[in-house]
Amino acid sequence: MTLSDRLKSEGYDVGVASDGPSGLERAVRERWDVILLDVMLPGANGFDVCRDVRAKGSRRPSSC
């Protein structure tokens, strides 16, 4: 069972991106309460995505 499966089973609305660039796109385009990032994302690691999201002005909570 993946983390997203577990969160969904607890009633959370979960969105998933399979790589850094699509994760960055979703993070800045969509409204999320929390963003969880994997540091081993293909295309751009979670630290890069977190930095880029912050540079675009987002102050949503995130966990890298």
C-alpha atoms as a PDB file:
ATOM      1  CA  MET A   1       0.000   0.000   0.000  1.00  0.00           C
ATOM      2  CA  THR A   2       1.386   3.387  -0.989  1.00  0.00           C
ATOM      3  CA  LEU A   3       1.254   6.530   1.097  1.00  0.00           C
ATOM      4  CA  SER A   4      -1.359   7.981  -1.265  1.00  0.00           C
ATOM      5  CA  ASP A   5      -3.507   4.837  -0.853  1.00  0.00           C
ATOM      6  CA  ARG A   6      -3.237   5.112   2.910  1.00  0.00           C
ATOM      7  CA  LEU A   7      -4.167   8.799   2.953  1.00  0.00           C
ATOM      8  CA  LYS A   8      -7.119   8.180   0.614  1.00  0.00           C
ATOM      9  CA  SER A   9      -8.352   5.371   2.893  1.00  0.00           C
ATOM     10  CA  GLU A  10      -8.347   7.904   5.747  1.00  0.00           C
ATOM     11  CA  GLY A  11     -10.572  10.243   3.734  1.00  0.00           C
ATOM     12  CA  TYR A  12      -8.013  12.729   2.404  1.00  0.00           C
ATOM     13  CA  ASP A  13      -8.201  14.183  -1.103  1.00  0.00           C
ATOM     14  CA  VAL A  14      -4.859  13.165  -2.616  1.00  0.00           C
ATOM     15  CA  GLY A  15      -3.157  14.170  -5.844  1.00  0.00           C
ATOM     16  CA  VAL A  16      -0.036  12.473  -7.170  1.00  0.00           C
ATOM     17  CA  ALA A  17       2.679  13.537  -9.610  1.00  0.00           C
ATOM     18  CA  SER A  18       5.200  10.984 -10.820  1.00  0.00           C
ATOM     19  CA  ASP A  19       8.082  13.370 -11.513  1.00  0.00           C
ATOM     20  CA  GLY A  20       9.476  16.715 -10.424  1.00  0.00           C
ATOM     21  CA  PRO A  21       8.344  18.875 -13.370  1.00  0.00           C
ATOM     22  CA  SER A  22       4.727  17.677 -13.210  1.00  0.00           C
ATOM     23  CA  GLY A  23       4.779  17.997  -9.422  1.00  0.00           C
ATOM     24  CA  LEU A  24       5.952  21.599  -9.722  1.00  0.00           C
ATOM     25  CA  GLU A  25       3.242  22.342 -12.281  1.00  0.00           C
ATOM     26  CA  ARG A  26       0.519  20.899 -10.051  1.00  0.00           C
ATOM     27  CA  ALA A  27       1.887  22.608  -6.951  1.00  0.00           C
ATOM     28  CA  VAL A  28       1.691  26.083  -8.460  1.00  0.00           C
ATOM     29  CA  ARG A  29      -1.485  25.565 -10.529  1.00  0.00           C
ATOM     30  CA  GLU A  30      -3.686  23.764  -7.987  1.00  0.00           C
ATOM     31  CA  ARG A  31      -4.655  24.640  -4.420  1.00  0.00           C
ATOM     32  CA  TRP A  32      -3.233  22.183  -1.863  1.00  0.00           C
ATOM     33  CA  ASP A  33      -3.219  22.408   1.924  1.00  0.00           C
ATOM     34  CA  VAL A  34      -0.035  20.337   2.227  1.00  0.00           C
ATOM     35  CA  ILE A  35       2.560  19.229  -0.299  1.00  0.00           C
ATOM     36  CA  LEU A  36       4.635  16.118   0.404  1.00  0.00           C
ATOM     37  CA  LEU A  37       7.735  15.714  -1.758  1.00  0.00           C
ATOM     38  CA  ASP A  38      10.099  12.831  -2.369  1.00  0.00           C
ATOM     39  CA  VAL A  39      13.760  13.833  -2.618  1.00  0.00           C
ATOM     40  CA  MET A  40      14.301  11.151  -5.287  1.00  0.00           C
ATOM     41  CA  LEU A  41      11.801  12.385  -7.899  1.00  0.00           C
ATOM     42  CA  PRO A  42      12.860  11.910 -11.522  1.00  0.00           C
ATOM     43  CA  GLY A  43      13.409  15.108 -13.506  1.00  0.00           C
ATOM     44  CA  ALA A  44      13.877  17.351 -10.455  1.00  0.00           C
ATOM     45  CA  ASN A  45      14.319  16.247  -6.863  1.00  0.00           C
ATOM     46  CA  GLY A  46      11.922  17.274  -4.113  1.00  0.00           C
ATOM     47  CA  PHE A  47      14.312  19.917  -2.776  1.00  0.00           C
ATOM     48  CA  ASP A  48      14.407  21.590  -6.215  1.00  0.00           C
ATOM     49  CA  VAL A  49      10.619  21.444  -6.504  1.00  0.00           C
ATOM     50  CA  CYS A  50      10.221  22.912  -3.006  1.00  0.00           C
ATOM     51  CA  ARG A  51      12.639  25.744  -3.822  1.00  0.00           C
ATOM     52  CA  ASP A  52      10.883  26.497  -7.129  1.00  0.00           C
ATOM     53  CA  VAL A  53       7.418  26.450  -5.540  1.00  0.00           C
ATOM     54  CA  ARG A  54       8.629  28.912  -2.894  1.00  0.00           C
ATOM     55  CA  ALA A  55      10.265  31.103  -5.574  1.00  0.00           C
ATOM     56  CA  LYS A  56       6.886  31.342  -7.299  1.00  0.00           C
ATOM     57  CA  GLY A  57       5.393  32.779  -4.100  1.00  0.00           C
ATOM     58  CA  SER A  58       3.678  29.768  -2.531  1.00  0.00           C
ATOM     59  CA  ARG A  59       3.747  29.655   1.260  1.00  0.00           C
ATOM     60  CA  ARG A  60       1.778  26.422   1.615  1.00  0.00           C
ATOM     61  CA  PRO A  61       3.140  23.967   4.133  1.00  0.00           C
ATOM     62  CA  SER A  62       5.433  21.381   2.589  1.00  0.00           C
ATOM     63  CA  SER A  63       7.437  18.445   3.809  1.00  0.00           C
ATOM     64  CA  CYS A  64      10.587  17.588   1.876  1.00  0.00           C
END
